[in-house]
Structure formats: C-alpha cells, structure tokens
Amino acid sequence: MTGQPPKGAKVGETTSTVARPFRLGEWVKDPYLAKALRDELLDLKAPQLEIAQEAIIEVASVGTMGTYDELLGEYRRAIRRGLEPDRKLVKNPRIDRKVIRLAQLADMLDKELRDVTQPELDAVNAALRKVIEDAKTLTVQGKQGEERRVEHDPTEVCRRVGQHSTIGECGYFRDPAAWPDVFRAVIRRALEG
C-alpha cells in the first residue's frame, strides 16, 4: 500500500511529512541504561528534549562500547554538550597531583575527566581531597595481629556507622587494588553534582 499515510497521521499528511516519534528502546537495548536515560529526559521540555534525543541517537549510532557506568557517562556528556553548547571546557583536565600523588593512579583517573569545566574539575579535586583527608583522620583501636576496630562518621568510602572491624567491614581497609574504583566512583558523583 504505497502512498497511504501512516497510522495516526492527519488527513493530507504523507509519509515524508510525518516524523516518527522517538523510541528510546530502538536506540538503547539495555533496559537499565534506558531507564537511567529516561530519568535524564524526564524534566526536559520540547526544544531541549529534542536536542537530548538527538544526542542519544548520535551516541547510539556510533556504537560506543563500555560498561554501564561508562556508557551512561558518555550519554550524559553528549546530552550536556547538546544542551549547553557554550560550556567552557578545560582542554587537558588533570587530577591535582598534590591530592593523588601516585602518578600511575592519577593518569588512570584523568581518563574520567572528559568534557569538564573548571568548576567541575575543582569539585572533583575537592571530593578526592576530602576522601584522602578523611582517611588520614581514622583512629584504629587494637594491636597488630589482632582484629582491629575503627569508628568514624559515614563517608563516601565507608557508609558504616559506629565502631566496626577493619577486616572486611570498613571501606577504608579494602584491598589496594580496589581503590581506583573507589576514586572513580567519587569522581562520577562529584561530576553529577
């Protein structure tokens, strides 16, 4: 049936004049990622909503690969670039080396800083500085070789309240290999605002 208007079209409209409605599920197959993006689009009105939808289509069309967090970050950056084209981005954003002194770790964390402005970079450095300062103020009770206990207020790193064991319970005493992921999570939260 060529020449027939699509279902729901008004009289006189042809297929070339009817725009298909945006369907997020056509572009984003992961249901959790789609829900997170729907939440991003929830408060946007018509002109901004269309810009955000175009940004989603652009990222999905490229076929970007990554973890859930990486993809969500990529979509959020694309939406932000579309909605705020006049943002003044830092050309080569870097974590403050006075905060994260281990060069290899700092280089790894620099990769999280894409499309950031100077205030966002300052917020990231402040959040990382707070994590380091909080870790320095911990008071550990107990002797070496025994189960030791620590007490601190809930923080980004450890949400436990009251006195608890340093073995497996406290986020500050996790395996050193897990700390890059902790810092990445802190950076992402700081960038989200």
Protein backbone atom coordinates (compact mmCIF):
# COMPACT_ATOMS: atom_id res chain seq x y z
CA MET A 1 0.00 0.00 0.00
CA THR A 2 2.23 2.77 -1.20
CA GLY A 3 1.10 6.34 -0.79
CA GLN A 4 -1.00 5.53 2.28
CA PRO A 5 -0.39 7.80 5.27
CA PRO A 6 0.98 6.09 8.36
CA LYS A 7 -1.38 5.10 11.13
CA GLY A 8 -2.35 8.11 13.23
CA ALA A 9 -1.48 10.67 10.53
CA LYS A 10 -3.83 13.56 9.87
CA VAL A 11 -5.65 13.98 6.57
CA GLY A 12 -3.32 15.36 3.91
CA GLU A 13 -0.08 14.18 5.54
CA THR A 14 2.16 11.79 3.68
CA THR A 15 4.94 9.59 4.96
CA SER A 16 7.53 12.25 4.13
CA THR A 17 5.88 14.89 6.36
CA VAL A 18 5.22 12.71 9.42
CA ALA A 19 8.10 12.38 11.84
CA ARG A 20 8.36 9.14 13.73
CA PRO A 21 8.17 9.53 17.49
CA PHE A 22 11.40 8.98 19.41
CA ARG A 23 11.55 5.50 20.90
CA LEU A 24 14.44 5.07 23.30
CA GLY A 25 14.22 1.27 23.10
CA GLU A 26 15.15 1.39 19.41
CA TRP A 27 18.48 3.03 20.24
CA VAL A 28 19.36 1.70 23.71
CA LYS A 29 18.81 -2.03 24.19
CA ASP A 30 19.97 -2.33 27.82
CA PRO A 31 16.84 -1.82 29.96
CA TYR A 32 18.79 -0.43 32.94
CA LEU A 33 20.63 2.08 30.77
CA ALA A 34 17.37 3.00 29.03
CA LYS A 35 15.70 3.65 32.41
CA ALA A 36 18.60 5.86 33.52
CA LEU A 37 18.36 7.83 30.28
CA ARG A 38 14.58 8.17 30.64
CA ASP A 39 15.24 9.70 34.07
CA GLU A 40 17.66 12.15 32.41
CA LEU A 41 14.98 13.16 29.88
CA LEU A 42 12.14 13.34 32.39
CA ASP A 43 12.25 17.06 33.25
CA LEU A 44 13.14 18.37 29.78
CA LYS A 45 10.64 20.35 27.73
CA ALA A 46 10.12 20.25 23.93
CA PRO A 47 13.17 22.04 22.44
CA GLN A 48 15.64 20.66 24.99
CA LEU A 49 14.05 17.21 24.83
CA GLU A 50 14.60 17.06 21.07
CA ILE A 51 18.25 18.10 21.47
CA ALA A 52 18.78 15.43 24.15
CA GLN A 53 17.11 12.80 21.97
CA GLU A 54 19.38 13.73 19.06
CA ALA A 55 22.40 13.38 21.37
CA ILE A 56 21.24 9.89 22.40
CA ILE A 57 20.80 8.88 18.76
CA GLU A 58 24.25 10.25 17.94
CA VAL A 59 25.97 8.22 20.67
CA ALA A 60 23.96 5.08 19.90
CA SER A 61 24.72 5.37 16.17
CA VAL A 62 28.45 5.41 16.81
CA GLY A 63 28.23 2.08 18.61
CA THR A 64 30.18 3.08 21.71
CA MET A 65 31.21 0.09 23.83
CA GLY A 66 31.79 0.05 27.57
CA THR A 67 30.45 -0.78 30.98
CA TYR A 68 27.11 0.56 32.22
CA ASP A 69 28.80 3.48 34.01
CA GLU A 70 30.98 4.34 31.01
CA LEU A 71 28.03 4.30 28.61
CA LEU A 72 25.81 6.31 30.94
CA GLY A 73 28.61 8.86 31.30
CA GLU A 74 29.03 9.04 27.52
CA TYR A 75 25.30 9.63 27.01
CA ARG A 76 25.20 12.25 29.79
CA ARG A 77 28.19 14.10 28.30
CA ALA A 78 26.57 14.09 24.85
CA ILE A 79 23.29 15.42 26.28
CA ARG A 80 25.15 18.09 28.23
CA ARG A 81 27.14 19.13 25.11
CA GLY A 82 23.87 19.48 23.20
CA LEU A 83 22.01 21.40 25.89
CA GLU A 84 24.91 23.66 26.84
CA PRO A 85 26.96 24.28 23.68
CA ASP A 86 28.67 27.35 25.19
CA ARG A 87 30.28 25.47 28.11
CA LYS A 88 33.96 26.41 28.52
CA LEU A 89 35.72 23.06 28.70
CA VAL A 90 39.15 22.50 30.20
CA LYS A 91 41.45 21.44 27.34
CA ASN A 92 43.59 18.96 29.26
CA PRO A 93 41.86 18.22 32.58
CA ARG A 94 44.05 16.53 35.16
CA ILE A 95 43.57 15.42 38.73
CA ASP A 96 45.58 17.59 41.11
CA ARG A 97 48.87 15.73 41.62
CA LYS A 98 49.12 17.16 45.15
CA VAL A 99 45.93 15.23 46.01
CA ILE A 100 46.67 11.95 44.19
CA ARG A 101 50.44 11.66 44.32
CA LEU A 102 50.81 8.26 42.68
CA ALA A 103 51.34 9.25 39.02
CA GLN A 104 50.02 5.99 37.56
CA LEU A 105 46.79 6.24 39.57
CA ALA A 106 46.36 9.92 38.72
CA ASP A 107 46.83 9.17 35.00
CA MET A 108 44.19 6.43 35.25
CA LEU A 109 41.75 8.80 36.98
CA ASP A 110 42.39 11.56 34.41
CA LYS A 111 40.53 9.40 31.88
CA GLU A 112 37.31 10.03 33.84
CA LEU A 113 37.61 13.75 33.18
CA ARG A 114 36.10 14.24 29.74
CA ASP A 115 34.14 17.35 28.79
CA VAL A 116 34.58 19.05 32.17
CA THR A 117 34.59 22.74 33.04
CA GLN A 118 36.93 24.32 35.56
CA PRO A 119 34.28 24.40 38.35
CA GLU A 120 33.58 20.68 37.76
CA LEU A 121 37.32 19.90 37.88
CA ASP A 122 37.60 21.88 41.12
CA ALA A 123 34.67 19.90 42.60
CA VAL A 124 36.36 16.61 41.64
CA ASN A 125 39.65 17.63 43.24
CA ALA A 126 37.83 18.79 46.39
CA ALA A 127 35.94 15.46 46.63
CA LEU A 128 39.17 13.46 46.22
CA ARG A 129 40.95 15.69 48.76
CA LYS A 130 38.12 15.04 51.25
CA VAL A 131 38.45 11.26 50.83
CA ILE A 132 42.21 11.45 51.48
CA GLU A 133 41.76 13.76 54.48
CA ASP A 134 39.03 11.53 55.94
CA ALA A 135 41.33 8.51 55.64
CA LYS A 136 44.13 10.35 57.47
CA THR A 137 41.88 11.09 60.47
CA LEU A 138 40.95 7.46 61.18
CA THR A 139 41.85 6.14 64.62
CA VAL A 140 42.38 2.40 64.75
CA GLN A 141 41.99 0.56 68.06
CA GLY A 142 43.68 -2.75 68.74
CA LYS A 143 47.08 -4.37 68.44
CA GLN A 144 48.90 -5.59 65.37
CA GLY A 145 47.98 -9.22 64.70
CA GLU A 146 44.56 -8.95 66.38
CA GLU A 147 41.26 -7.89 64.94
CA ARG A 148 41.36 -4.11 64.97
CA ARG A 149 38.37 -1.81 65.11
CA VAL A 150 37.70 1.66 63.82
CA GLU A 151 34.98 4.24 64.39
CA HIS A 152 34.16 7.10 62.03
CA ASP A 153 31.24 9.01 60.58
CA PRO A 154 29.67 7.62 57.38
CA THR A 155 31.58 8.82 54.31
CA GLU A 156 31.73 8.22 50.56
CA VAL A 157 34.19 5.38 51.14
CA CYS A 158 32.55 3.60 54.08
CA ARG A 159 28.91 4.02 54.97
CA ARG A 160 29.14 2.02 58.21
CA VAL A 161 28.06 3.78 61.39
CA GLY A 162 29.66 3.23 64.76
CA GLN A 163 32.56 1.03 65.69
CA HIS A 164 33.30 -1.79 63.25
CA SER A 165 36.05 -4.18 62.23
CA THR A 166 38.79 -3.23 59.81
CA ILE A 167 38.61 -6.74 58.32
CA GLY A 168 36.09 -6.82 55.50
CA GLU A 169 33.67 -4.34 57.07
CA CYS A 170 35.35 -0.96 56.69
CA GLY A 171 35.67 0.55 53.24
CA TYR A 172 38.89 2.31 54.19
CA PHE A 173 40.65 -1.02 54.74
CA ARG A 174 39.83 -2.61 51.41
CA ASP A 175 42.38 -4.18 49.08
CA PRO A 176 44.66 -1.55 47.48
CA ALA A 177 43.64 -2.78 44.02
CA ALA A 178 40.05 -1.68 44.75
CA TRP A 179 40.93 1.96 45.47
CA PRO A 180 40.98 3.11 41.82
CA ASP A 181 37.33 2.05 41.59
CA VAL A 182 36.56 3.96 44.80
CA PHE A 183 38.18 7.09 43.38
CA ARG A 184 36.34 6.66 40.05
CA ALA A 185 33.02 6.47 41.92
CA VAL A 186 33.91 9.62 43.88
CA ILE A 187 34.76 11.43 40.62
CA ARG A 188 31.50 10.37 38.98
CA ARG A 189 29.44 11.53 41.96
CA ALA A 190 31.27 14.87 42.01
CA LEU A 191 30.61 15.38 38.29
CA GLU A 192 26.93 14.52 38.69
CA GLY A 193 26.68 17.36 41.17
